[in-house]
Amino acid sequence: HKRLPFGQWVASVWRCLEGPALCDNEFEIQIADHYFSELDQWSAHNDLANFHLFEAQLAQCLVTIPTQQANPIYIMTIHQAKGLEFDHVIIP
């Protein structure tokens, strides 16, 4: 009986637990697949007891999240905007 690489094993468990159903879009599933691939590569050459090293390496990866709009603008009252922590607020 052949063992699956660790990342593939984790991915199969994630899929059995309906992990993709928790994703909001296809991009999030691609990010998860990239994580499983990175986990495969790392675990092939490293000891899982040092998993914190993998987490540190993964933290160095940059992920650009695509947006539907390049510069979204929200129009609302001051009361609706209160506490939402926008970068910029324009009050006419």
PDB file of N, CA and C in Angstrom:
ATOM      1  N   HIS A   1       0.838  -1.169   0.000  1.00  0.00           N
ATOM      2  CA  HIS A   1       0.000   0.000   0.000  1.00  0.00           C
ATOM      3  C   HIS A   1       0.881   1.229   0.000  1.00  0.00           C
ATOM      4  N   LYS A   2       0.673   2.104  -0.975  1.00  0.00           N
ATOM      5  CA  LYS A   2       1.518   3.279  -1.169  1.00  0.00           C
ATOM      6  C   LYS A   2       0.992   4.458  -0.352  1.00  0.00           C
ATOM      7  N   ARG A   3       1.904   5.165   0.286  1.00  0.00           N
ATOM      8  CA  ARG A   3       1.533   6.333   1.078  1.00  0.00           C
ATOM      9  C   ARG A   3       1.465   7.567   0.195  1.00  0.00           C
ATOM     10  N   LEU A   4       0.484   8.384   0.442  1.00  0.00           N
ATOM     11  CA  LEU A   4       0.373   9.667  -0.248  1.00  0.00           C
ATOM     12  C   LEU A   4       1.362  10.652   0.360  1.00  0.00           C
ATOM     13  N   PRO A   5       1.882  11.585  -0.455  1.00  0.00           N
ATOM     14  CA  PRO A   5       2.667  12.674   0.139  1.00  0.00           C
ATOM     15  C   PRO A   5       1.787  13.435   1.138  1.00  0.00           C
ATOM     16  N   PHE A   6       2.412  13.996   2.155  1.00  0.00           N
ATOM     17  CA  PHE A   6       1.677  14.610   3.255  1.00  0.00           C
ATOM     18  C   PHE A   6       0.694  15.679   2.785  1.00  0.00           C
ATOM     19  N   GLY A   7       1.116  16.548   1.878  1.00  0.00           N
ATOM     20  CA  GLY A   7       0.236  17.612   1.382  1.00  0.00           C
ATOM     21  C   GLY A   7      -0.972  17.047   0.660  1.00  0.00           C
ATOM     22  N   GLN A   8      -0.779  15.993  -0.119  1.00  0.00           N
ATOM     23  CA  GLN A   8      -1.905  15.368  -0.821  1.00  0.00           C
ATOM     24  C   GLN A   8      -2.856  14.709   0.177  1.00  0.00           C
ATOM     25  N   TRP A   9      -2.297  14.126   1.227  1.00  0.00           N
ATOM     26  CA  TRP A   9      -3.127  13.506   2.247  1.00  0.00           C
ATOM     27  C   TRP A   9      -3.984  14.563   2.951  1.00  0.00           C
ATOM     28  N   VAL A  10      -3.367  15.686   3.324  1.00  0.00           N
ATOM     29  CA  VAL A  10      -4.107  16.766   3.975  1.00  0.00           C
ATOM     30  C   VAL A  10      -5.181  17.304   3.031  1.00  0.00           C
ATOM     31  N   ALA A  11      -4.846  17.458   1.741  1.00  0.00           N
ATOM     32  CA  ALA A  11      -5.810  17.949   0.753  1.00  0.00           C
ATOM     33  C   ALA A  11      -6.993  16.994   0.620  1.00  0.00           C
ATOM     34  N   SER A  12      -6.736  15.702   0.633  1.00  0.00           N
ATOM     35  CA  SER A  12      -7.836  14.740   0.494  1.00  0.00           C
ATOM     36  C   SER A  12      -8.752  14.777   1.715  1.00  0.00           C
ATOM     37  N   VAL A  13      -8.172  14.945   2.900  1.00  0.00           N
ATOM     38  CA  VAL A  13      -8.989  15.066   4.109  1.00  0.00           C
ATOM     39  C   VAL A  13      -9.820  16.347   4.038  1.00  0.00           C
ATOM     40  N   TRP A  14      -9.202  17.439   3.592  1.00  0.00           N
ATOM     41  CA  TRP A  14      -9.897  18.725   3.455  1.00  0.00           C
ATOM     42  C   TRP A  14     -11.086  18.603   2.500  1.00  0.00           C
ATOM     43  N   ARG A  15     -10.876  17.900   1.394  1.00  0.00           N
ATOM     44  CA  ARG A  15     -11.958  17.720   0.425  1.00  0.00           C
ATOM     45  C   ARG A  15     -13.061  16.813   0.983  1.00  0.00           C
ATOM     46  N   CYS A  16     -12.687  15.775   1.714  1.00  0.00           N
ATOM     47  CA  CYS A  16     -13.683  14.883   2.330  1.00  0.00           C
ATOM     48  C   CYS A  16     -14.528  15.621   3.357  1.00  0.00           C
ATOM     49  N   LEU A  17     -13.940  16.609   4.001  1.00  0.00           N
ATOM     50  CA  LEU A  17     -14.652  17.402   4.992  1.00  0.00           C
ATOM     51  C   LEU A  17     -15.383  18.593   4.365  1.00  0.00           C
ATOM     52  N   GLU A  18     -15.500  18.583   3.027  1.00  0.00           N
ATOM     53  CA  GLU A  18     -16.201  19.641   2.281  1.00  0.00           C
ATOM     54  C   GLU A  18     -15.524  21.004   2.418  1.00  0.00           C
ATOM     55  N   GLY A  19     -14.200  21.012   2.505  1.00  0.00           N
ATOM     56  CA  GLY A  19     -13.460  22.262   2.590  1.00  0.00           C
ATOM     57  C   GLY A  19     -13.745  23.230   1.458  1.00  0.00           C
ATOM     58  N   PRO A  20     -13.791  22.765   0.195  1.00  0.00           N
ATOM     59  CA  PRO A  20     -14.063  23.705  -0.903  1.00  0.00           C
ATOM     60  C   PRO A  20     -15.413  24.409  -0.773  1.00  0.00           C
ATOM     61  N   ALA A  21     -16.380  23.792  -0.122  1.00  0.00           N
ATOM     62  CA  ALA A  21     -17.694  24.423   0.042  1.00  0.00           C
ATOM     63  C   ALA A  21     -17.616  25.649   0.942  1.00  0.00           C
ATOM     64  N   LEU A  22     -16.570  25.747   1.763  1.00  0.00           N
ATOM     65  CA  LEU A  22     -16.402  26.890   2.651  1.00  0.00           C
ATOM     66  C   LEU A  22     -15.723  28.073   1.967  1.00  0.00           C
ATOM     67  N   CYS A  23     -15.209  27.851   0.764  1.00  0.00           N
ATOM     68  CA  CYS A  23     -14.531  28.913   0.027  1.00  0.00           C
ATOM     69  C   CYS A  23     -15.558  29.807  -0.663  1.00  0.00           C
ATOM     70  N   ASP A  24     -15.258  31.096  -0.706  1.00  0.00           N
ATOM     71  CA  ASP A  24     -16.171  32.048  -1.329  1.00  0.00           C
ATOM     72  C   ASP A  24     -16.059  32.064  -2.848  1.00  0.00           C
ATOM     73  N   ASN A  25     -14.895  31.650  -3.378  1.00  0.00           N
ATOM     74  CA  ASN A  25     -14.695  31.694  -4.826  1.00  0.00           C
ATOM     75  C   ASN A  25     -13.588  30.728  -5.234  1.00  0.00           C
ATOM     76  N   GLU A  26     -13.397  30.601  -6.528  1.00  0.00           N
ATOM     77  CA  GLU A  26     -12.394  29.684  -7.079  1.00  0.00           C
ATOM     78  C   GLU A  26     -10.980  30.079  -6.663  1.00  0.00           C
ATOM     79  N   PHE A  27     -10.738  31.372  -6.498  1.00  0.00           N
ATOM     80  CA  PHE A  27      -9.407  31.844  -6.116  1.00  0.00           C
ATOM     81  C   PHE A  27      -8.999  31.280  -4.756  1.00  0.00           C
ATOM     82  N   GLU A  28      -9.928  31.210  -3.813  1.00  0.00           N
ATOM     83  CA  GLU A  28      -9.618  30.660  -2.498  1.00  0.00           C
ATOM     84  C   GLU A  28      -9.281  29.175  -2.582  1.00  0.00           C
ATOM     85  N   ILE A  29      -9.932  28.463  -3.471  1.00  0.00           N
ATOM     86  CA  ILE A  29      -9.608  27.044  -3.677  1.00  0.00           C
ATOM     87  C   ILE A  29      -8.208  26.916  -4.271  1.00  0.00           C
ATOM     88  N   GLN A  30      -7.854  27.823  -5.185  1.00  0.00           N
ATOM     89  CA  GLN A  30      -6.500  27.816  -5.761  1.00  0.00           C
ATOM     90  C   GLN A  30      -5.453  28.089  -4.697  1.00  0.00           C
ATOM     91  N   ILE A  31      -5.746  28.984  -3.757  1.00  0.00           N
ATOM     92  CA  ILE A  31      -4.817  29.271  -2.662  1.00  0.00           C
ATOM     93  C   ILE A  31      -4.632  28.017  -1.808  1.00  0.00           C
ATOM     94  N   ALA A  32      -5.725  27.314  -1.514  1.00  0.00           N
ATOM     95  CA  ALA A  32      -5.636  26.084  -0.729  1.00  0.00           C
ATOM     96  C   ALA A  32      -4.806  25.039  -1.469  1.00  0.00           C
ATOM     97  N   ASP A  33      -5.037  24.894  -2.774  1.00  0.00           N
ATOM     98  CA  ASP A  33      -4.259  23.934  -3.562  1.00  0.00           C
ATOM     99  C   ASP A  33      -2.769  24.294  -3.563  1.00  0.00           C
ATOM    100  N   HIS A  34      -2.471  25.586  -3.630  1.00  0.00           N
ATOM    101  CA  HIS A  34      -1.069  26.033  -3.570  1.00  0.00           C
ATOM    102  C   HIS A  34      -0.469  25.674  -2.212  1.00  0.00           C
ATOM    103  N   TYR A  35      -1.232  25.845  -1.140  1.00  0.00           N
ATOM    104  CA  TYR A  35      -0.767  25.489   0.197  1.00  0.00           C
ATOM    105  C   TYR A  35      -0.437  23.998   0.265  1.00  0.00           C
ATOM    106  N   PHE A  36      -1.331  23.154  -0.259  1.00  0.00           N
ATOM    107  CA  PHE A  36      -1.095  21.714  -0.218  1.00  0.00           C
ATOM    108  C   PHE A  36       0.137  21.337  -1.028  1.00  0.00           C
ATOM    109  N   SER A  37       0.347  22.009  -2.155  1.00  0.00           N
ATOM    110  CA  SER A  37       1.530  21.760  -2.982  1.00  0.00           C
ATOM    111  C   SER A  37       2.810  22.147  -2.230  1.00  0.00           C
ATOM    112  N   GLU A  38       2.782  23.321  -1.592  1.00  0.00           N
ATOM    113  CA  GLU A  38       3.934  23.765  -0.796  1.00  0.00           C
ATOM    114  C   GLU A  38       4.199  22.791   0.351  1.00  0.00           C
ATOM    115  N   LEU A  39       3.134  22.297   0.961  1.00  0.00           N
ATOM    116  CA  LEU A  39       3.269  21.339   2.062  1.00  0.00           C
ATOM    117  C   LEU A  39       3.905  20.040   1.571  1.00  0.00           C
ATOM    118  N   ASP A  40       3.524  19.589   0.375  1.00  0.00           N
ATOM    119  CA  ASP A  40       4.147  18.403  -0.233  1.00  0.00           C
ATOM    120  C   ASP A  40       5.647  18.605  -0.403  1.00  0.00           C
ATOM    121  N   GLN A  41       6.017  19.723  -1.008  1.00  0.00           N
ATOM    122  CA  GLN A  41       7.435  19.996  -1.273  1.00  0.00           C
ATOM    123  C   GLN A  41       8.227  20.108   0.020  1.00  0.00           C
ATOM    124  N   TRP A  42       7.673  20.803   0.999  1.00  0.00           N
ATOM    125  CA  TRP A  42       8.393  20.992   2.251  1.00  0.00           C
ATOM    126  C   TRP A  42       8.540  19.678   3.001  1.00  0.00           C
ATOM    127  N   SER A  43       7.460  18.908   3.102  1.00  0.00           N
ATOM    128  CA  SER A  43       7.503  17.679   3.901  1.00  0.00           C
ATOM    129  C   SER A  43       8.383  16.603   3.264  1.00  0.00           C
ATOM    130  N   ALA A  44       8.632  16.706   1.965  1.00  0.00           N
ATOM    131  CA  ALA A  44       9.510  15.737   1.304  1.00  0.00           C
ATOM    132  C   ALA A  44      10.964  15.914   1.739  1.00  0.00           C
ATOM    133  N   HIS A  45      11.316  17.112   2.217  1.00  0.00           N
ATOM    134  CA  HIS A  45      12.709  17.398   2.550  1.00  0.00           C
ATOM    135  C   HIS A  45      12.926  17.783   4.013  1.00  0.00           C
ATOM    136  N   ASN A  46      11.844  17.836   4.806  1.00  0.00           N
ATOM    137  CA  ASN A  46      11.963  18.312   6.178  1.00  0.00           C
ATOM    138  C   ASN A  46      11.181  17.425   7.128  1.00  0.00           C
ATOM    139  N   ASP A  47      11.517  17.551   8.380  1.00  0.00           N
ATOM    140  CA  ASP A  47      10.857  16.796   9.443  1.00  0.00           C
ATOM    141  C   ASP A  47       9.602  17.548   9.893  1.00  0.00           C
ATOM    142  N   LEU A  48       8.487  16.850   9.989  1.00  0.00           N
ATOM    143  CA  LEU A  48       7.241  17.492  10.393  1.00  0.00           C
ATOM    144  C   LEU A  48       7.283  18.007  11.823  1.00  0.00           C
ATOM    145  N   ALA A  49       8.240  17.548  12.611  1.00  0.00           N
ATOM    146  CA  ALA A  49       8.382  18.053  13.978  1.00  0.00           C
ATOM    147  C   ALA A  49       8.773  19.530  13.973  1.00  0.00           C
ATOM    148  N   ASN A  50       9.364  19.994  12.876  1.00  0.00           N
ATOM    149  CA  ASN A  50       9.773  21.398  12.747  1.00  0.00           C
ATOM    150  C   ASN A  50       8.772  22.172  11.898  1.00  0.00           C
ATOM    151  N   PHE A  51       7.495  21.916  12.115  1.00  0.00           N
ATOM    152  CA  PHE A  51       6.454  22.521  11.295  1.00  0.00           C
ATOM    153  C   PHE A  51       6.453  24.045  11.393  1.00  0.00           C
ATOM    154  N   HIS A  52       6.916  24.585  12.511  1.00  0.00           N
ATOM    155  CA  HIS A  52       6.971  26.037  12.663  1.00  0.00           C
ATOM    156  C   HIS A  52       7.877  26.672  11.598  1.00  0.00           C
ATOM    157  N   LEU A  53       8.874  25.932  11.119  1.00  0.00           N
ATOM    158  CA  LEU A  53       9.729  26.440  10.044  1.00  0.00           C
ATOM    159  C   LEU A  53       8.941  26.558   8.740  1.00  0.00           C
ATOM    160  N   PHE A  54       8.064  25.595   8.493  1.00  0.00           N
ATOM    161  CA  PHE A  54       7.209  25.658   7.308  1.00  0.00           C
ATOM    162  C   PHE A  54       6.278  26.864   7.394  1.00  0.00           C
ATOM    163  N   GLU A  55       5.699  27.079   8.555  1.00  0.00           N
ATOM    164  CA  GLU A  55       4.810  28.221   8.729  1.00  0.00           C
ATOM    165  C   GLU A  55       5.553  29.533   8.489  1.00  0.00           C
ATOM    166  N   ALA A  56       6.787  29.621   8.970  1.00  0.00           N
ATOM    167  CA  ALA A  56       7.589  30.826   8.753  1.00  0.00           C
ATOM    168  C   ALA A  56       7.893  31.008   7.271  1.00  0.00           C
ATOM    169  N   GLN A  57       8.211  29.915   6.574  1.00  0.00           N
ATOM    170  CA  GLN A  57       8.488  29.982   5.139  1.00  0.00           C
ATOM    171  C   GLN A  57       7.229  30.396   4.383  1.00  0.00           C
ATOM    172  N   LEU A  58       6.095  29.853   4.768  1.00  0.00           N
ATOM    173  CA  LEU A  58       4.832  30.161   4.112  1.00  0.00           C
ATOM    174  C   LEU A  58       4.437  31.618   4.322  1.00  0.00           C
ATOM    175  N   ALA A  59       4.790  32.163   5.470  1.00  0.00           N
ATOM    176  CA  ALA A  59       4.470  33.556   5.758  1.00  0.00           C
ATOM    177  C   ALA A  59       5.189  34.500   4.804  1.00  0.00           C
ATOM    178  N   GLN A  60       6.268  34.037   4.185  1.00  0.00           N
ATOM    179  CA  GLN A  60       7.018  34.860   3.236  1.00  0.00           C
ATOM    180  C   GLN A  60       6.332  34.945   1.874  1.00  0.00           C
ATOM    181  N   CYS A  61       5.391  34.030   1.607  1.00  0.00           N
ATOM    182  CA  CYS A  61       4.686  34.011   0.319  1.00  0.00           C
ATOM    183  C   CYS A  61       3.707  35.176   0.260  1.00  0.00           C
ATOM    184  N   LEU A  62       3.638  35.793  -0.897  1.00  0.00           N
ATOM    185  CA  LEU A  62       2.691  36.877  -1.104  1.00  0.00           C
ATOM    186  C   LEU A  62       1.538  36.370  -1.957  1.00  0.00           C
ATOM    187  N   VAL A  63       0.337  36.720  -1.571  1.00  0.00           N
ATOM    188  CA  VAL A  63      -0.848  36.353  -2.333  1.00  0.00           C
ATOM    189  C   VAL A  63      -1.589  37.635  -2.664  1.00  0.00           C
ATOM    190  N   THR A  64      -1.845  37.842  -3.935  1.00  0.00           N
ATOM    191  CA  THR A  64      -2.601  38.998  -4.375  1.00  0.00           C
ATOM    192  C   THR A  64      -4.037  38.554  -4.610  1.00  0.00           C
ATOM    193  N   ILE A  65      -4.935  39.166  -3.897  1.00  0.00           N
ATOM    194  CA  ILE A  65      -6.337  38.801  -4.018  1.00  0.00           C
ATOM    195  C   ILE A  65      -6.989  39.694  -5.068  1.00  0.00           C
ATOM    196  N   PRO A  66      -7.527  39.084  -6.123  1.00  0.00           N
ATOM    197  CA  PRO A  66      -8.166  39.901  -7.154  1.00  0.00           C
ATOM    198  C   PRO A  66      -9.475  40.496  -6.634  1.00  0.00           C
ATOM    199  N   THR A  67      -9.763  41.690  -7.081  1.00  0.00           N
ATOM    200  CA  THR A  67     -11.013  42.330  -6.696  1.00  0.00           C
ATOM    201  C   THR A  67     -11.878  42.511  -7.930  1.00  0.00           C
ATOM    202  N   GLN A  68     -13.154  42.600  -7.707  1.00  0.00           N
ATOM    203  CA  GLN A  68     -14.091  42.799  -8.805  1.00  0.00           C
ATOM    204  C   GLN A  68     -13.938  44.197  -9.394  1.00  0.00           C
ATOM    205  N   GLN A  69     -13.647  45.163  -8.539  1.00  0.00           N
ATOM    206  CA  GLN A  69     -13.515  46.543  -8.972  1.00  0.00           C
ATOM    207  C   GLN A  69     -12.133  47.049  -8.579  1.00  0.00           C
ATOM    208  N   ALA A  70     -11.524  47.840  -9.464  1.00  0.00           N
ATOM    209  CA  ALA A  70     -10.198  48.360  -9.180  1.00  0.00           C
ATOM    210  C   ALA A  70     -10.236  49.369  -8.038  1.00  0.00           C
ATOM    211  N   ASN A  71     -11.294  50.163  -7.949  1.00  0.00           N
ATOM    212  CA  ASN A  71     -11.394  51.187  -6.921  1.00  0.00           C
ATOM    213  C   ASN A  71     -12.844  51.280  -6.469  1.00  0.00           C
ATOM    214  N   PRO A  72     -13.293  50.378  -5.613  1.00  0.00           N
ATOM    215  CA  PRO A  72     -14.703  50.398  -5.215  1.00  0.00           C
ATOM    216  C   PRO A  72     -15.036  51.625  -4.372  1.00  0.00           C
ATOM    217  N   ILE A  73     -16.207  52.165  -4.612  1.00  0.00           N
ATOM    218  CA  ILE A  73     -16.703  53.311  -3.854  1.00  0.00           C
ATOM    219  C   ILE A  73     -18.026  52.897  -3.227  1.00  0.00           C
ATOM    220  N   TYR A  74     -18.170  53.170  -1.947  1.00  0.00           N
ATOM    221  CA  TYR A  74     -19.392  52.868  -1.231  1.00  0.00           C
ATOM    222  C   TYR A  74     -20.055  54.180  -0.851  1.00  0.00           C
ATOM    223  N   ILE A  75     -21.332  54.305  -1.144  1.00  0.00           N
ATOM    224  CA  ILE A  75     -22.081  55.496  -0.777  1.00  0.00           C
ATOM    225  C   ILE A  75     -23.028  55.104   0.349  1.00  0.00           C
ATOM    226  N   MET A  76     -22.902  55.819   1.489  1.00  0.00           N
ATOM    227  CA  MET A  76     -23.727  55.510   2.648  1.00  0.00           C
ATOM    228  C   MET A  76     -23.776  56.710   3.564  1.00  0.00           C
ATOM    229  N   THR A  77     -24.615  56.626   4.568  1.00  0.00           N
ATOM    230  CA  THR A  77     -24.700  57.712   5.537  1.00  0.00           C
ATOM    231  C   THR A  77     -23.524  57.619   6.510  1.00  0.00           C
ATOM    232  N   ILE A  78     -23.308  58.692   7.240  1.00  0.00           N
ATOM    233  CA  ILE A  78     -22.232  58.701   8.239  1.00  0.00           C
ATOM    234  C   ILE A  78     -22.491  57.617   9.284  1.00  0.00           C
ATOM    235  N   HIS A  79     -23.739  57.438   9.663  1.00  0.00           N
ATOM    236  CA  HIS A  79     -24.082  56.437  10.676  1.00  0.00           C
ATOM    237  C   HIS A  79     -23.783  55.024  10.182  1.00  0.00           C
ATOM    238  N   GLN A  80     -24.027  54.763   8.894  1.00  0.00           N
ATOM    239  CA  GLN A  80     -23.738  53.436   8.342  1.00  0.00           C
ATOM    240  C   GLN A  80     -22.234  53.182   8.282  1.00  0.00           C
ATOM    241  N   ALA A  81     -21.453  54.240   8.023  1.00  0.00           N
ATOM    242  CA  ALA A  81     -20.004  54.092   7.876  1.00  0.00           C
ATOM    243  C   ALA A  81     -19.275  54.009   9.206  1.00  0.00           C
ATOM    244  N   LYS A  82     -19.930  54.404  10.281  1.00  0.00           N
ATOM    245  CA  LYS A  82     -19.295  54.440  11.597  1.00  0.00           C
ATOM    246  C   LYS A  82     -18.744  53.061  11.980  1.00  0.00           C
ATOM    247  N   GLY A  83     -17.460  53.016  12.297  1.00  0.00           N
ATOM    248  CA  GLY A  83     -16.825  51.784  12.763  1.00  0.00           C
ATOM    249  C   GLY A  83     -16.352  50.849  11.667  1.00  0.00           C
ATOM    250  N   LEU A  84     -16.530  51.191  10.384  1.00  0.00           N
ATOM    251  CA  LEU A  84     -16.123  50.283   9.305  1.00  0.00           C
ATOM    252  C   LEU A  84     -14.654  50.412   8.934  1.00  0.00           C
ATOM    253  N   GLU A  85     -13.966  51.442   9.429  1.00  0.00           N
ATOM    254  CA  GLU A  85     -12.530  51.618   9.241  1.00  0.00           C
ATOM    255  C   GLU A  85     -12.102  51.662   7.784  1.00  0.00           C
ATOM    256  N   PHE A  86     -12.742  52.506   6.984  1.00  0.00           N
ATOM    257  CA  PHE A  86     -12.321  52.724   5.617  1.00  0.00           C
ATOM    258  C   PHE A  86     -10.996  53.486   5.612  1.00  0.00           C
ATOM    259  N   ASP A  87     -10.192  53.312   4.561  1.00  0.00           N
ATOM    260  CA  ASP A  87      -8.941  54.056   4.442  1.00  0.00           C
ATOM    261  C   ASP A  87      -9.218  55.555   4.225  1.00  0.00           C
ATOM    262  N   HIS A  88     -10.256  55.849   3.440  1.00  0.00           N
ATOM    263  CA  HIS A  88     -10.608  57.236   3.140  1.00  0.00           C
ATOM    264  C   HIS A  88     -12.117  57.388   3.229  1.00  0.00           C
ATOM    265  N   VAL A  89     -12.553  58.532   3.771  1.00  0.00           N
ATOM    266  CA  VAL A  89     -13.973  58.845   3.823  1.00  0.00           C
ATOM    267  C   VAL A  89     -14.123  60.278   3.313  1.00  0.00           C
ATOM    268  N   ILE A  90     -15.028  60.454   2.350  1.00  0.00           N
ATOM    269  CA  ILE A  90     -15.281  61.790   1.797  1.00  0.00           C
ATOM    270  C   ILE A  90     -16.686  62.188   2.232  1.00  0.00           C
ATOM    271  N   ILE A  91     -16.782  63.330   2.900  1.00  0.00           N
ATOM    272  CA  ILE A  91     -18.079  63.825   3.368  1.00  0.00           C
ATOM    273  C   ILE A  91     -18.390  65.090   2.587  1.00  0.00           C
ATOM    274  N   PRO A  92     -19.386  65.019   1.691  1.00  0.00           N
ATOM    275  CA  PRO A  92     -19.740  66.240   0.907  1.00  0.00           C
ATOM    276  C   PRO A  92     -20.541  67.222   1.751  1.00  0.00           C
TER     277      PRO A  92
END
